[in-house]
Amino acid sequence: MTEISRLKSIVETLRSENGCSWDKVQTHSSLKAACIEEAAEVVGGINILEKTGDAANLREELGDLLLQVMFHSVIAEEEGLFTFEDVAKTISDKMVRRHPHVFEGVKYASEEELHEAWAAIKKEEKKGREWEADYLEGAFNEASELIEKAKERKGVKSQ
Protein backbone atom coordinates (compact mmCIF):
# COMPACT_ATOMS: atom_id res chain seq x y z
CA MET A 1 0.00 0.00 0.00
CA THR A 2 1.37 3.42 -0.92
CA GLU A 3 1.34 6.17 1.68
CA ILE A 4 -1.29 8.04 -0.38
CA SER A 5 -3.51 4.94 -0.31
CA ARG A 6 -2.89 4.61 3.42
CA LEU A 7 -3.83 8.26 4.00
CA LYS A 8 -7.04 7.82 1.98
CA SER A 9 -7.91 4.73 3.99
CA ILE A 10 -7.29 6.59 7.25
CA VAL A 11 -9.57 9.46 6.23
CA GLU A 12 -12.26 7.01 5.08
CA THR A 13 -12.02 5.21 8.43
CA LEU A 14 -12.24 8.49 10.35
CA ARG A 15 -15.43 9.35 8.43
CA SER A 16 -16.93 5.85 8.70
CA GLU A 17 -19.75 4.74 11.00
CA ASN A 18 -17.21 3.67 13.63
CA GLY A 19 -14.91 6.63 13.00
CA CYS A 20 -14.37 9.92 14.79
CA SER A 21 -17.48 11.92 15.64
CA TRP A 22 -15.77 15.20 14.62
CA ASP A 23 -14.41 13.88 11.29
CA LYS A 24 -17.73 12.28 10.31
CA VAL A 25 -19.63 15.56 10.29
CA GLN A 26 -17.13 17.69 8.39
CA THR A 27 -18.12 19.23 5.06
CA HIS A 28 -16.30 21.21 2.40
CA SER A 29 -17.59 24.41 4.06
CA SER A 30 -16.74 23.41 7.62
CA LEU A 31 -13.15 22.66 6.56
CA LYS A 32 -12.49 26.03 4.92
CA ALA A 33 -10.82 27.47 8.03
CA ALA A 34 -8.57 24.44 8.47
CA CYS A 35 -7.52 24.56 4.83
CA ILE A 36 -6.53 28.24 5.06
CA GLU A 37 -4.81 27.70 8.41
CA GLU A 38 -2.77 24.76 7.12
CA ALA A 39 -1.71 26.71 4.02
CA ALA A 40 -0.49 29.55 6.27
CA GLU A 41 1.39 27.05 8.41
CA VAL A 42 3.14 25.76 5.26
CA VAL A 43 4.34 29.33 4.69
CA GLY A 44 5.66 29.29 8.26
CA GLY A 45 7.43 26.00 7.56
CA ILE A 46 9.08 27.50 4.48
CA ASN A 47 10.22 30.47 6.56
CA ILE A 48 11.66 28.14 9.22
CA LEU A 49 13.51 26.19 6.52
CA GLU A 50 14.93 29.38 5.00
CA LYS A 51 16.06 30.76 8.38
CA THR A 52 17.34 27.57 10.01
CA GLY A 53 17.78 24.92 7.32
CA ASP A 54 15.47 22.63 9.33
CA ALA A 55 12.86 21.00 7.08
CA ALA A 56 10.96 19.05 9.76
CA ASN A 57 8.23 21.66 10.27
CA LEU A 58 7.73 22.11 6.52
CA ARG A 59 7.38 18.34 6.06
CA GLU A 60 4.79 18.20 8.85
CA GLU A 61 2.82 21.19 7.59
CA LEU A 62 2.80 19.92 4.00
CA GLY A 63 1.36 16.69 5.40
CA ASP A 64 -1.37 18.67 7.17
CA LEU A 65 -2.18 20.49 3.92
CA LEU A 66 -2.21 17.18 2.04
CA LEU A 67 -4.65 15.88 4.65
CA GLN A 68 -6.95 18.77 3.75
CA VAL A 69 -6.76 17.84 0.06
CA MET A 70 -7.46 14.20 0.88
CA PHE A 71 -10.29 15.09 3.26
CA HIS A 72 -12.04 17.20 0.59
CA SER A 73 -11.44 14.47 -1.99
CA VAL A 74 -12.97 11.78 0.23
CA ILE A 75 -15.99 13.98 0.96
CA ALA A 76 -16.37 14.66 -2.77
CA GLU A 77 -16.15 10.94 -3.49
CA GLU A 78 -18.86 10.27 -0.88
CA GLU A 79 -20.99 12.89 -2.66
CA GLY A 80 -20.34 11.27 -6.06
CA LEU A 81 -18.48 14.33 -7.37
CA PHE A 82 -14.87 13.20 -7.92
CA THR A 83 -12.06 11.18 -6.33
CA PHE A 84 -8.53 11.91 -5.15
CA GLU A 85 -7.30 10.18 -8.32
CA ASP A 86 -9.39 12.66 -10.34
CA VAL A 87 -7.74 15.54 -8.47
CA ALA A 88 -4.26 14.14 -9.10
CA LYS A 89 -5.04 13.47 -12.78
CA THR A 90 -6.48 16.96 -13.26
CA ILE A 91 -3.37 18.70 -11.92
CA SER A 92 -1.01 16.32 -13.74
CA ASP A 93 -2.79 16.91 -17.04
CA LYS A 94 -2.77 20.67 -16.43
CA MET A 95 0.98 20.74 -15.71
CA VAL A 96 1.78 18.76 -18.86
CA ARG A 97 -0.57 20.91 -20.97
CA ARG A 98 0.87 24.18 -19.63
CA HIS A 99 4.49 23.08 -20.19
CA PRO A 100 4.69 21.96 -23.83
CA HIS A 101 8.30 23.20 -23.87
CA VAL A 102 9.12 20.53 -21.29
CA PHE A 103 6.84 17.63 -22.26
CA GLU A 104 6.34 18.09 -26.02
CA GLY A 105 9.61 19.59 -27.19
CA VAL A 106 8.06 22.94 -28.17
CA LYS A 107 10.69 25.66 -28.53
CA TYR A 108 10.09 29.29 -27.61
CA ALA A 109 12.32 32.12 -28.82
CA SER A 110 12.27 33.89 -25.45
CA GLU A 111 10.97 33.77 -21.89
CA GLU A 112 8.40 36.38 -22.95
CA GLU A 113 7.11 34.10 -25.71
CA LEU A 114 6.97 31.20 -23.25
CA HIS A 115 4.92 33.29 -20.79
CA GLU A 116 2.59 34.44 -23.57
CA ALA A 117 2.05 30.82 -24.63
CA TRP A 118 1.36 29.82 -21.02
CA ALA A 119 -1.22 32.62 -20.72
CA ALA A 120 -2.87 31.53 -23.99
CA ILE A 121 -3.05 27.91 -22.82
CA LYS A 122 -4.57 29.01 -19.51
CA LYS A 123 -7.10 31.22 -21.31
CA GLU A 124 -8.11 28.31 -23.54
CA GLU A 125 -8.54 26.06 -20.47
CA LYS A 126 -10.89 28.60 -18.89
CA LYS A 127 -12.94 29.15 -22.07
CA GLY A 128 -16.63 29.03 -21.16
CA ARG A 129 -15.74 29.13 -17.46
CA GLU A 130 -14.73 32.78 -17.23
CA TRP A 131 -17.54 33.32 -14.71
CA GLU A 132 -15.53 31.38 -12.12
CA ALA A 133 -13.23 34.41 -11.72
CA ASP A 134 -16.20 36.34 -10.31
CA TYR A 135 -15.88 34.26 -7.13
CA LEU A 136 -12.20 35.05 -6.55
CA GLU A 137 -12.58 38.42 -4.80
CA GLY A 138 -15.10 36.96 -2.36
CA ALA A 139 -12.83 33.98 -1.75
CA PHE A 140 -9.86 36.24 -0.94
CA ASN A 141 -12.03 38.30 1.40
CA GLU A 142 -13.28 35.13 3.11
CA ALA A 143 -9.71 33.80 3.33
CA SER A 144 -8.61 37.04 5.02
CA GLU A 145 -11.39 36.69 7.58
CA LEU A 146 -10.48 33.04 8.17
CA ILE A 147 -6.83 33.99 8.65
CA GLU A 148 -7.80 36.59 11.27
CA LYS A 149 -9.87 33.98 13.13
CA ALA A 150 -6.97 31.50 12.93
CA LYS A 151 -4.63 34.13 14.37
CA GLU A 152 -7.00 34.59 17.29
CA ARG A 153 -7.19 30.80 17.88
CA LYS A 154 -3.39 30.49 17.74
CA GLY A 155 -2.82 33.58 19.89
CA VAL A 156 -0.97 35.46 17.15
CA LYS A 157 -1.11 39.24 17.50
CA SER A 158 -2.13 41.24 14.41
CA GLN A 159 0.27 44.01 13.51
C-alpha atoms as a PDB file:
ATOM      1  CA  MET A   1       0.000   0.000   0.000  1.00  0.00           C
ATOM      2  CA  THR A   2       1.374   3.421  -0.917  1.00  0.00           C
ATOM      3  CA  GLU A   3       1.337   6.174   1.678  1.00  0.00           C
ATOM      4  CA  ILE A   4      -1.290   8.042  -0.377  1.00  0.00           C
ATOM      5  CA  SER A   5      -3.507   4.938  -0.307  1.00  0.00           C
ATOM      6  CA  ARG A   6      -2.887   4.610   3.419  1.00  0.00           C
ATOM      7  CA  LEU A   7      -3.834   8.256   3.997  1.00  0.00           C
ATOM      8  CA  LYS A   8      -7.037   7.823   1.978  1.00  0.00           C
ATOM      9  CA  SER A   9      -7.906   4.725   3.988  1.00  0.00           C
ATOM     10  CA  ILE A  10      -7.288   6.589   7.253  1.00  0.00           C
ATOM     11  CA  VAL A  11      -9.573   9.462   6.229  1.00  0.00           C
ATOM     12  CA  GLU A  12     -12.256   7.012   5.081  1.00  0.00           C
ATOM     13  CA  THR A  13     -12.015   5.214   8.432  1.00  0.00           C
ATOM     14  CA  LEU A  14     -12.235   8.494  10.348  1.00  0.00           C
ATOM     15  CA  ARG A  15     -15.425   9.347   8.433  1.00  0.00           C
ATOM     16  CA  SER A  16     -16.934   5.853   8.702  1.00  0.00           C
ATOM     17  CA  GLU A  17     -19.746   4.740  11.000  1.00  0.00           C
ATOM     18  CA  ASN A  18     -17.210   3.670  13.633  1.00  0.00           C
ATOM     19  CA  GLY A  19     -14.909   6.629  12.997  1.00  0.00           C
ATOM     20  CA  CYS A  20     -14.370   9.915  14.790  1.00  0.00           C
ATOM     21  CA  SER A  21     -17.478  11.924  15.643  1.00  0.00           C
ATOM     22  CA  TRP A  22     -15.774  15.195  14.621  1.00  0.00           C
ATOM     23  CA  ASP A  23     -14.415  13.882  11.293  1.00  0.00           C
ATOM     24  CA  LYS A  24     -17.725  12.279  10.310  1.00  0.00           C
ATOM     25  CA  VAL A  25     -19.633  15.556  10.294  1.00  0.00           C
ATOM     26  CA  GLN A  26     -17.131  17.686   8.395  1.00  0.00           C
ATOM     27  CA  THR A  27     -18.117  19.234   5.059  1.00  0.00           C
ATOM     28  CA  HIS A  28     -16.303  21.213   2.401  1.00  0.00           C
ATOM     29  CA  SER A  29     -17.592  24.408   4.059  1.00  0.00           C
ATOM     30  CA  SER A  30     -16.743  23.413   7.617  1.00  0.00           C
ATOM     31  CA  LEU A  31     -13.148  22.662   6.557  1.00  0.00           C
ATOM     32  CA  LYS A  32     -12.493  26.033   4.918  1.00  0.00           C
ATOM     33  CA  ALA A  33     -10.820  27.468   8.026  1.00  0.00           C
ATOM     34  CA  ALA A  34      -8.573  24.437   8.471  1.00  0.00           C
ATOM     35  CA  CYS A  35      -7.518  24.564   4.825  1.00  0.00           C
ATOM     36  CA  ILE A  36      -6.526  28.239   5.063  1.00  0.00           C
ATOM     37  CA  GLU A  37      -4.806  27.699   8.408  1.00  0.00           C
ATOM     38  CA  GLU A  38      -2.773  24.759   7.123  1.00  0.00           C
ATOM     39  CA  ALA A  39      -1.712  26.706   4.024  1.00  0.00           C
ATOM     40  CA  ALA A  40      -0.492  29.548   6.267  1.00  0.00           C
ATOM     41  CA  GLU A  41       1.394  27.046   8.409  1.00  0.00           C
ATOM     42  CA  VAL A  42       3.143  25.763   5.263  1.00  0.00           C
ATOM     43  CA  VAL A  43       4.342  29.331   4.687  1.00  0.00           C
ATOM     44  CA  GLY A  44       5.659  29.292   8.260  1.00  0.00           C
ATOM     45  CA  GLY A  45       7.425  25.999   7.559  1.00  0.00           C
ATOM     46  CA  ILE A  46       9.084  27.501   4.485  1.00  0.00           C
ATOM     47  CA  ASN A  47      10.221  30.470   6.563  1.00  0.00           C
ATOM     48  CA  ILE A  48      11.661  28.137   9.220  1.00  0.00           C
ATOM     49  CA  LEU A  49      13.508  26.192   6.518  1.00  0.00           C
ATOM     50  CA  GLU A  50      14.930  29.379   5.000  1.00  0.00           C
ATOM     51  CA  LYS A  51      16.064  30.756   8.378  1.00  0.00           C
ATOM     52  CA  THR A  52      17.343  27.567  10.015  1.00  0.00           C
ATOM     53  CA  GLY A  53      17.776  24.918   7.318  1.00  0.00           C
ATOM     54  CA  ASP A  54      15.468  22.629   9.335  1.00  0.00           C
ATOM     55  CA  ALA A  55      12.864  21.001   7.078  1.00  0.00           C
ATOM     56  CA  ALA A  56      10.963  19.047   9.757  1.00  0.00           C
ATOM     57  CA  ASN A  57       8.235  21.658  10.269  1.00  0.00           C
ATOM     58  CA  LEU A  58       7.728  22.111   6.518  1.00  0.00           C
ATOM     59  CA  ARG A  59       7.380  18.342   6.059  1.00  0.00           C
ATOM     60  CA  GLU A  60       4.794  18.202   8.847  1.00  0.00           C
ATOM     61  CA  GLU A  61       2.816  21.191   7.595  1.00  0.00           C
ATOM     62  CA  LEU A  62       2.798  19.925   4.001  1.00  0.00           C
ATOM     63  CA  GLY A  63       1.357  16.693   5.404  1.00  0.00           C
ATOM     64  CA  ASP A  64      -1.373  18.670   7.175  1.00  0.00           C
ATOM     65  CA  LEU A  65      -2.177  20.490   3.919  1.00  0.00           C
ATOM     66  CA  LEU A  66      -2.212  17.183   2.037  1.00  0.00           C
ATOM     67  CA  LEU A  67      -4.650  15.884   4.653  1.00  0.00           C
ATOM     68  CA  GLN A  68      -6.952  18.769   3.750  1.00  0.00           C
ATOM     69  CA  VAL A  69      -6.763  17.838   0.058  1.00  0.00           C
ATOM     70  CA  MET A  70      -7.459  14.197   0.882  1.00  0.00           C
ATOM     71  CA  PHE A  71     -10.294  15.094   3.260  1.00  0.00           C
ATOM     72  CA  HIS A  72     -12.036  17.196   0.585  1.00  0.00           C
ATOM     73  CA  SER A  73     -11.442  14.474  -1.993  1.00  0.00           C
ATOM     74  CA  VAL A  74     -12.968  11.778   0.226  1.00  0.00           C
ATOM     75  CA  ILE A  75     -15.987  13.984   0.962  1.00  0.00           C
ATOM     76  CA  ALA A  76     -16.367  14.664  -2.774  1.00  0.00           C
ATOM     77  CA  GLU A  77     -16.151  10.938  -3.490  1.00  0.00           C
ATOM     78  CA  GLU A  78     -18.863  10.275  -0.880  1.00  0.00           C
ATOM     79  CA  GLU A  79     -20.993  12.889  -2.665  1.00  0.00           C
ATOM     80  CA  GLY A  80     -20.341  11.272  -6.061  1.00  0.00           C
ATOM     81  CA  LEU A  81     -18.478  14.331  -7.370  1.00  0.00           C
ATOM     82  CA  PHE A  82     -14.875  13.196  -7.918  1.00  0.00           C
ATOM     83  CA  THR A  83     -12.057  11.178  -6.331  1.00  0.00           C
ATOM     84  CA  PHE A  84      -8.526  11.915  -5.147  1.00  0.00           C
ATOM     85  CA  GLU A  85      -7.304  10.180  -8.316  1.00  0.00           C
ATOM     86  CA  ASP A  86      -9.385  12.656 -10.344  1.00  0.00           C
ATOM     87  CA  VAL A  87      -7.744  15.541  -8.472  1.00  0.00           C
ATOM     88  CA  ALA A  88      -4.257  14.141  -9.101  1.00  0.00           C
ATOM     89  CA  LYS A  89      -5.039  13.470 -12.783  1.00  0.00           C
ATOM     90  CA  THR A  90      -6.476  16.955 -13.258  1.00  0.00           C
ATOM     91  CA  ILE A  91      -3.367  18.697 -11.918  1.00  0.00           C
ATOM     92  CA  SER A  92      -1.005  16.319 -13.739  1.00  0.00           C
ATOM     93  CA  ASP A  93      -2.787  16.912 -17.045  1.00  0.00           C
ATOM     94  CA  LYS A  94      -2.766  20.672 -16.429  1.00  0.00           C
ATOM     95  CA  MET A  95       0.976  20.744 -15.712  1.00  0.00           C
ATOM     96  CA  VAL A  96       1.775  18.760 -18.856  1.00  0.00           C
ATOM     97  CA  ARG A  97      -0.569  20.908 -20.973  1.00  0.00           C
ATOM     98  CA  ARG A  98       0.873  24.182 -19.632  1.00  0.00           C
ATOM     99  CA  HIS A  99       4.489  23.077 -20.191  1.00  0.00           C
ATOM    100  CA  PRO A 100       4.692  21.955 -23.829  1.00  0.00           C
ATOM    101  CA  HIS A 101       8.297  23.200 -23.866  1.00  0.00           C
ATOM    102  CA  VAL A 102       9.118  20.533 -21.295  1.00  0.00           C
ATOM    103  CA  PHE A 103       6.838  17.634 -22.257  1.00  0.00           C
ATOM    104  CA  GLU A 104       6.338  18.085 -26.019  1.00  0.00           C
ATOM    105  CA  GLY A 105       9.614  19.590 -27.189  1.00  0.00           C
ATOM    106  CA  VAL A 106       8.060  22.939 -28.174  1.00  0.00           C
ATOM    107  CA  LYS A 107      10.694  25.657 -28.530  1.00  0.00           C
ATOM    108  CA  TYR A 108      10.095  29.286 -27.612  1.00  0.00           C
ATOM    109  CA  ALA A 109      12.322  32.118 -28.818  1.00  0.00           C
ATOM    110  CA  SER A 110      12.273  33.887 -25.447  1.00  0.00           C
ATOM    111  CA  GLU A 111      10.970  33.770 -21.887  1.00  0.00           C
ATOM    112  CA  GLU A 112       8.403  36.376 -22.946  1.00  0.00           C
ATOM    113  CA  GLU A 113       7.109  34.098 -25.710  1.00  0.00           C
ATOM    114  CA  LEU A 114       6.975  31.196 -23.253  1.00  0.00           C
ATOM    115  CA  HIS A 115       4.922  33.288 -20.788  1.00  0.00           C
ATOM    116  CA  GLU A 116       2.594  34.442 -23.567  1.00  0.00           C
ATOM    117  CA  ALA A 117       2.052  30.825 -24.634  1.00  0.00           C
ATOM    118  CA  TRP A 118       1.365  29.823 -21.024  1.00  0.00           C
ATOM    119  CA  ALA A 119      -1.217  32.625 -20.723  1.00  0.00           C
ATOM    120  CA  ALA A 120      -2.871  31.532 -23.989  1.00  0.00           C
ATOM    121  CA  ILE A 121      -3.048  27.909 -22.822  1.00  0.00           C
ATOM    122  CA  LYS A 122      -4.566  29.005 -19.514  1.00  0.00           C
ATOM    123  CA  LYS A 123      -7.104  31.220 -21.311  1.00  0.00           C
ATOM    124  CA  GLU A 124      -8.113  28.308 -23.536  1.00  0.00           C
ATOM    125  CA  GLU A 125      -8.538  26.058 -20.471  1.00  0.00           C
ATOM    126  CA  LYS A 126     -10.890  28.605 -18.886  1.00  0.00           C
ATOM    127  CA  LYS A 127     -12.944  29.147 -22.070  1.00  0.00           C
ATOM    128  CA  GLY A 128     -16.630  29.028 -21.156  1.00  0.00           C
ATOM    129  CA  ARG A 129     -15.741  29.130 -17.459  1.00  0.00           C
ATOM    130  CA  GLU A 130     -14.727  32.782 -17.227  1.00  0.00           C
ATOM    131  CA  TRP A 131     -17.541  33.324 -14.709  1.00  0.00           C
ATOM    132  CA  GLU A 132     -15.531  31.383 -12.119  1.00  0.00           C
ATOM    133  CA  ALA A 133     -13.228  34.414 -11.722  1.00  0.00           C
ATOM    134  CA  ASP A 134     -16.203  36.343 -10.313  1.00  0.00           C
ATOM    135  CA  TYR A 135     -15.877  34.265  -7.133  1.00  0.00           C
ATOM    136  CA  LEU A 136     -12.200  35.049  -6.552  1.00  0.00           C
ATOM    137  CA  GLU A 137     -12.575  38.419  -4.804  1.00  0.00           C
ATOM    138  CA  GLY A 138     -15.097  36.958  -2.361  1.00  0.00           C
ATOM    139  CA  ALA A 139     -12.830  33.977  -1.753  1.00  0.00           C
ATOM    140  CA  PHE A 140      -9.863  36.238  -0.944  1.00  0.00           C
ATOM    141  CA  ASN A 141     -12.032  38.295   1.399  1.00  0.00           C
ATOM    142  CA  GLU A 142     -13.279  35.127   3.106  1.00  0.00           C
ATOM    143  CA  ALA A 143      -9.714  33.801   3.332  1.00  0.00           C
ATOM    144  CA  SER A 144      -8.612  37.039   5.022  1.00  0.00           C
ATOM    145  CA  GLU A 145     -11.391  36.690   7.580  1.00  0.00           C
ATOM    146  CA  LEU A 146     -10.479  33.038   8.172  1.00  0.00           C
ATOM    147  CA  ILE A 147      -6.828  33.992   8.652  1.00  0.00           C
ATOM    148  CA  GLU A 148      -7.797  36.593  11.271  1.00  0.00           C
ATOM    149  CA  LYS A 149      -9.867  33.979  13.130  1.00  0.00           C
ATOM    150  CA  ALA A 150      -6.974  31.501  12.929  1.00  0.00           C
ATOM    151  CA  LYS A 151      -4.629  34.130  14.373  1.00  0.00           C
ATOM    152  CA  GLU A 152      -7.004  34.595  17.290  1.00  0.00           C
ATOM    153  CA  ARG A 153      -7.195  30.798  17.879  1.00  0.00           C
ATOM    154  CA  LYS A 154      -3.391  30.490  17.735  1.00  0.00           C
ATOM    155  CA  GLY A 155      -2.824  33.576  19.892  1.00  0.00           C
ATOM    156  CA  VAL A 156      -0.971  35.459  17.154  1.00  0.00           C
ATOM    157  CA  LYS A 157      -1.112  39.244  17.501  1.00  0.00           C
ATOM    158  CA  SER A 158      -2.127  41.243  14.410  1.00  0.00           C
ATOM    159  CA  GLN A 159       0.269  44.008  13.505  1.00  0.00           C
END
